[in-house]
Amino acid sequence: MSLQDLFESSLSLFEQYDLEEHIREMNALESRILTEHQFAQLVGKLRLYQFLPSADKKQLPTVEFTDSHLNAIARAYYSDENFARGEGGIDLWRVYNLFTGANKSSYIDTFLDRSLGATTLIHGIAQALDTPNAYSWFIE
């Protein structure tokens, strides 16, 4: 890829970005709630994911969080002063923030991929709460 191609691709990416749609999608996460059971399923299934046979993994979305990330997420579920669980569970905005908070300890070469993965995972789970999809496995 030439420098000109890179510039044109970058420009195209910026032109396609819809800030208002992004804000709407992120705001919608606050109205979606995971029960403590569903959150425990999510963390547990994410731990199991890394040990799944390859054939099973291919049928699920890619997840790149390690045990240390999941430990930080589980700890923060109970103790984070800003994003811990509430009375009826935890909204997906808080879950998203737990994942991105745990990702802060990632090396720079994996940080962006894991951040994108967190966004994709949480939005997929939000959709799975209404309609079964590939992300349903993580909360069933």
C-alpha atoms as a PDB file:
ATOM      1  CA  MET A   1       0.000   0.000   0.000  1.00  0.00           C
ATOM      2  CA  SER A   2       1.398   3.363  -0.945  1.00  0.00           C
ATOM      3  CA  LEU A   3       1.319   6.456   1.207  1.00  0.00           C
ATOM      4  CA  GLN A   4      -1.388   7.903  -1.069  1.00  0.00           C
ATOM      5  CA  ASP A   5      -3.508   4.747  -0.645  1.00  0.00           C
ATOM      6  CA  LEU A   6      -3.116   4.976   3.116  1.00  0.00           C
ATOM      7  CA  PHE A   7      -4.155   8.638   3.073  1.00  0.00           C
ATOM      8  CA  GLU A   8      -7.212   7.919   0.919  1.00  0.00           C
ATOM      9  CA  SER A   9      -8.248   4.964   3.079  1.00  0.00           C
ATOM     10  CA  SER A  10      -7.873   7.042   6.234  1.00  0.00           C
ATOM     11  CA  LEU A  11      -9.873   9.892   4.747  1.00  0.00           C
ATOM     12  CA  SER A  12     -12.611   7.493   3.661  1.00  0.00           C
ATOM     13  CA  LEU A  13     -12.751   5.997   7.143  1.00  0.00           C
ATOM     14  CA  PHE A  14     -13.150   9.414   8.765  1.00  0.00           C
ATOM     15  CA  GLU A  15     -15.832  10.450   6.255  1.00  0.00           C
ATOM     16  CA  GLN A  16     -17.873   7.301   6.954  1.00  0.00           C
ATOM     17  CA  TYR A  17     -17.807   7.727  10.732  1.00  0.00           C
ATOM     18  CA  ASP A  18     -21.196   8.794  12.127  1.00  0.00           C
ATOM     19  CA  LEU A  19     -20.705  10.382  15.539  1.00  0.00           C
ATOM     20  CA  GLU A  20     -24.433  10.713  16.280  1.00  0.00           C
ATOM     21  CA  GLU A  21     -25.057   7.028  15.515  1.00  0.00           C
ATOM     22  CA  HIS A  22     -22.110   6.029  17.689  1.00  0.00           C
ATOM     23  CA  ILE A  23     -23.442   8.092  20.609  1.00  0.00           C
ATOM     24  CA  ARG A  24     -26.937   6.577  20.164  1.00  0.00           C
ATOM     25  CA  GLU A  25     -25.504   3.052  20.194  1.00  0.00           C
ATOM     26  CA  MET A  26     -23.419   3.698  23.298  1.00  0.00           C
ATOM     27  CA  ASN A  27     -26.328   5.397  25.129  1.00  0.00           C
ATOM     28  CA  ALA A  28     -28.563   2.410  24.359  1.00  0.00           C
ATOM     29  CA  LEU A  29     -26.240   0.192  26.408  1.00  0.00           C
ATOM     30  CA  GLU A  30     -27.475   1.846  29.614  1.00  0.00           C
ATOM     31  CA  SER A  31     -30.954   0.406  29.142  1.00  0.00           C
ATOM     32  CA  ARG A  32     -29.729  -3.172  28.674  1.00  0.00           C
ATOM     33  CA  ILE A  33     -29.252  -5.089  31.944  1.00  0.00           C
ATOM     34  CA  LEU A  34     -27.407  -8.323  32.693  1.00  0.00           C
ATOM     35  CA  THR A  35     -28.433 -10.172  35.814  1.00  0.00           C
ATOM     36  CA  GLU A  36     -25.669 -11.344  38.117  1.00  0.00           C
ATOM     37  CA  HIS A  37     -26.224 -14.854  36.756  1.00  0.00           C
ATOM     38  CA  GLN A  38     -25.801 -13.659  33.149  1.00  0.00           C
ATOM     39  CA  PHE A  39     -22.676 -11.696  34.100  1.00  0.00           C
ATOM     40  CA  ALA A  40     -21.245 -14.789  35.810  1.00  0.00           C
ATOM     41  CA  GLN A  41     -22.072 -16.815  32.697  1.00  0.00           C
ATOM     42  CA  LEU A  42     -20.284 -14.238  30.560  1.00  0.00           C
ATOM     43  CA  VAL A  43     -17.100 -14.279  32.653  1.00  0.00           C
ATOM     44  CA  GLY A  44     -17.166 -18.066  32.989  1.00  0.00           C
ATOM     45  CA  LYS A  45     -17.732 -18.671  29.292  1.00  0.00           C
ATOM     46  CA  LEU A  46     -14.973 -16.211  28.420  1.00  0.00           C
ATOM     47  CA  ARG A  47     -12.636 -18.284  30.613  1.00  0.00           C
ATOM     48  CA  LEU A  48     -13.767 -21.492  28.872  1.00  0.00           C
ATOM     49  CA  TYR A  49     -13.478 -19.943  25.418  1.00  0.00           C
ATOM     50  CA  GLN A  50      -9.673 -20.133  25.349  1.00  0.00           C
ATOM     51  CA  PHE A  51      -9.826 -23.918  25.890  1.00  0.00           C
ATOM     52  CA  LEU A  52     -12.537 -24.740  23.356  1.00  0.00           C
ATOM     53  CA  PRO A  53     -11.665 -27.084  20.512  1.00  0.00           C
ATOM     54  CA  SER A  54     -10.870 -25.177  17.322  1.00  0.00           C
ATOM     55  CA  ALA A  55     -14.032 -26.361  15.594  1.00  0.00           C
ATOM     56  CA  ASP A  56     -16.183 -24.945  18.404  1.00  0.00           C
ATOM     57  CA  LYS A  57     -14.219 -21.675  18.509  1.00  0.00           C
ATOM     58  CA  LYS A  58     -14.778 -21.128  14.782  1.00  0.00           C
ATOM     59  CA  GLN A  59     -18.535 -20.994  15.405  1.00  0.00           C
ATOM     60  CA  LEU A  60     -18.179 -18.187  17.960  1.00  0.00           C
ATOM     61  CA  PRO A  61     -17.006 -14.597  17.711  1.00  0.00           C
ATOM     62  CA  THR A  62     -13.313 -14.054  18.419  1.00  0.00           C
ATOM     63  CA  VAL A  63     -12.442 -12.988  21.965  1.00  0.00           C
ATOM     64  CA  GLU A  64      -8.955 -11.862  22.974  1.00  0.00           C
ATOM     65  CA  PHE A  65      -9.237 -11.289  26.730  1.00  0.00           C
ATOM     66  CA  THR A  66      -6.888 -13.218  29.002  1.00  0.00           C
ATOM     67  CA  ASP A  67      -7.432 -14.614  32.491  1.00  0.00           C
ATOM     68  CA  SER A  68      -5.769 -11.547  34.011  1.00  0.00           C
ATOM     69  CA  HIS A  69      -8.229  -9.292  32.168  1.00  0.00           C
ATOM     70  CA  LEU A  70     -11.145 -11.442  33.302  1.00  0.00           C
ATOM     71  CA  ASN A  71      -9.896 -11.361  36.897  1.00  0.00           C
ATOM     72  CA  ALA A  72      -9.804  -7.563  36.751  1.00  0.00           C
ATOM     73  CA  ILE A  73     -13.320  -7.478  35.279  1.00  0.00           C
ATOM     74  CA  ALA A  74     -14.713  -9.825  37.951  1.00  0.00           C
ATOM     75  CA  ARG A  75     -13.025  -7.850  40.756  1.00  0.00           C
ATOM     76  CA  ALA A  76     -14.314  -4.545  39.375  1.00  0.00           C
ATOM     77  CA  TYR A  77     -17.862  -5.964  39.098  1.00  0.00           C
ATOM     78  CA  TYR A  78     -18.018  -5.826  42.889  1.00  0.00           C
ATOM     79  CA  SER A  79     -15.575  -3.068  43.787  1.00  0.00           C
ATOM     80  CA  ASP A  80     -15.249  -0.427  41.048  1.00  0.00           C
ATOM     81  CA  GLU A  81     -16.585   2.823  42.482  1.00  0.00           C
ATOM     82  CA  ASN A  82     -17.944   3.971  39.109  1.00  0.00           C
ATOM     83  CA  PHE A  83     -18.948   0.825  37.256  1.00  0.00           C
ATOM     84  CA  ALA A  84     -19.751  -1.883  39.842  1.00  0.00           C
ATOM     85  CA  ARG A  85     -23.052  -3.740  39.734  1.00  0.00           C
ATOM     86  CA  GLY A  86     -26.271  -2.070  40.794  1.00  0.00           C
ATOM     87  CA  GLU A  87     -29.363  -3.340  42.578  1.00  0.00           C
ATOM     88  CA  GLY A  88     -30.900  -5.267  39.665  1.00  0.00           C
ATOM     89  CA  GLY A  89     -27.681  -6.354  37.978  1.00  0.00           C
ATOM     90  CA  ILE A  90     -25.375  -4.374  35.736  1.00  0.00           C
ATOM     91  CA  ASP A  91     -26.135  -2.395  32.619  1.00  0.00           C
ATOM     92  CA  LEU A  92     -24.095  -3.028  29.508  1.00  0.00           C
ATOM     93  CA  TRP A  93     -22.576   0.464  29.627  1.00  0.00           C
ATOM     94  CA  ARG A  94     -20.948  -0.510  32.920  1.00  0.00           C
ATOM     95  CA  VAL A  95     -19.928  -3.906  31.537  1.00  0.00           C
ATOM     96  CA  TYR A  96     -18.341  -2.157  28.547  1.00  0.00           C
ATOM     97  CA  ASN A  97     -16.411   0.092  30.919  1.00  0.00           C
ATOM     98  CA  LEU A  98     -15.259  -2.899  32.996  1.00  0.00           C
ATOM     99  CA  PHE A  99     -13.875  -4.509  29.837  1.00  0.00           C
ATOM    100  CA  THR A 100     -12.189  -1.375  28.546  1.00  0.00           C
ATOM    101  CA  GLY A 101     -10.824  -0.676  32.032  1.00  0.00           C
ATOM    102  CA  ALA A 102      -9.277  -4.148  32.209  1.00  0.00           C
ATOM    103  CA  ASN A 103      -7.834  -3.611  28.740  1.00  0.00           C
ATOM    104  CA  LYS A 104      -5.754  -0.671  29.968  1.00  0.00           C
ATOM    105  CA  SER A 105      -3.127  -3.142  31.132  1.00  0.00           C
ATOM    106  CA  SER A 106      -2.674  -4.520  27.590  1.00  0.00           C
ATOM    107  CA  TYR A 107       0.437  -3.905  25.579  1.00  0.00           C
ATOM    108  CA  ILE A 108       0.116  -1.328  22.830  1.00  0.00           C
ATOM    109  CA  ASP A 109       0.220  -3.975  20.088  1.00  0.00           C
ATOM    110  CA  THR A 110      -2.981  -5.630  21.388  1.00  0.00           C
ATOM    111  CA  PHE A 111      -4.745  -2.643  22.971  1.00  0.00           C
ATOM    112  CA  LEU A 112      -6.702  -1.480  19.908  1.00  0.00           C
ATOM    113  CA  ASP A 113      -7.755  -4.994  18.895  1.00  0.00           C
ATOM    114  CA  ARG A 114      -9.007  -5.740  22.414  1.00  0.00           C
ATOM    115  CA  SER A 115     -10.819  -2.394  22.609  1.00  0.00           C
ATOM    116  CA  LEU A 116     -12.593  -3.125  19.351  1.00  0.00           C
ATOM    117  CA  GLY A 117     -13.259  -6.652  20.596  1.00  0.00           C
ATOM    118  CA  ALA A 118     -14.853  -5.293  23.782  1.00  0.00           C
ATOM    119  CA  THR A 119     -17.127  -3.015  21.773  1.00  0.00           C
ATOM    120  CA  THR A 120     -18.117  -5.801  19.408  1.00  0.00           C
ATOM    121  CA  LEU A 121     -18.684  -8.261  22.273  1.00  0.00           C
ATOM    122  CA  ILE A 122     -20.890  -5.913  24.291  1.00  0.00           C
ATOM    123  CA  HIS A 123     -22.969  -4.867  21.276  1.00  0.00           C
ATOM    124  CA  GLY A 124     -23.350  -8.538  20.296  1.00  0.00           C
ATOM    125  CA  ILE A 125     -24.516  -9.399  23.812  1.00  0.00           C
ATOM    126  CA  ALA A 126     -26.996  -6.505  23.723  1.00  0.00           C
ATOM    127  CA  GLN A 127     -28.495  -7.983  20.554  1.00  0.00           C
ATOM    128  CA  ALA A 128     -28.451 -11.493  22.048  1.00  0.00           C
ATOM    129  CA  LEU A 129     -30.660 -10.298  24.910  1.00  0.00           C
ATOM    130  CA  ASP A 130     -33.434  -9.800  22.329  1.00  0.00           C
ATOM    131  CA  THR A 131     -32.670 -12.308  19.601  1.00  0.00           C
ATOM    132  CA  PRO A 132     -30.473 -15.401  19.804  1.00  0.00           C
ATOM    133  CA  ASN A 133     -27.243 -14.897  17.859  1.00  0.00           C
ATOM    134  CA  ALA A 134     -23.601 -15.998  17.942  1.00  0.00           C
ATOM    135  CA  TYR A 135     -23.093 -14.075  21.209  1.00  0.00           C
ATOM    136  CA  SER A 136     -25.894 -15.916  23.014  1.00  0.00           C
ATOM    137  CA  TRP A 137     -23.462 -18.679  23.980  1.00  0.00           C
ATOM    138  CA  PHE A 138     -21.658 -16.279  26.297  1.00  0.00           C
ATOM    139  CA  ILE A 139     -24.728 -15.493  28.454  1.00  0.00           C
ATOM    140  CA  GLU A 140     -26.797 -18.693  28.302  1.00  0.00           C
END
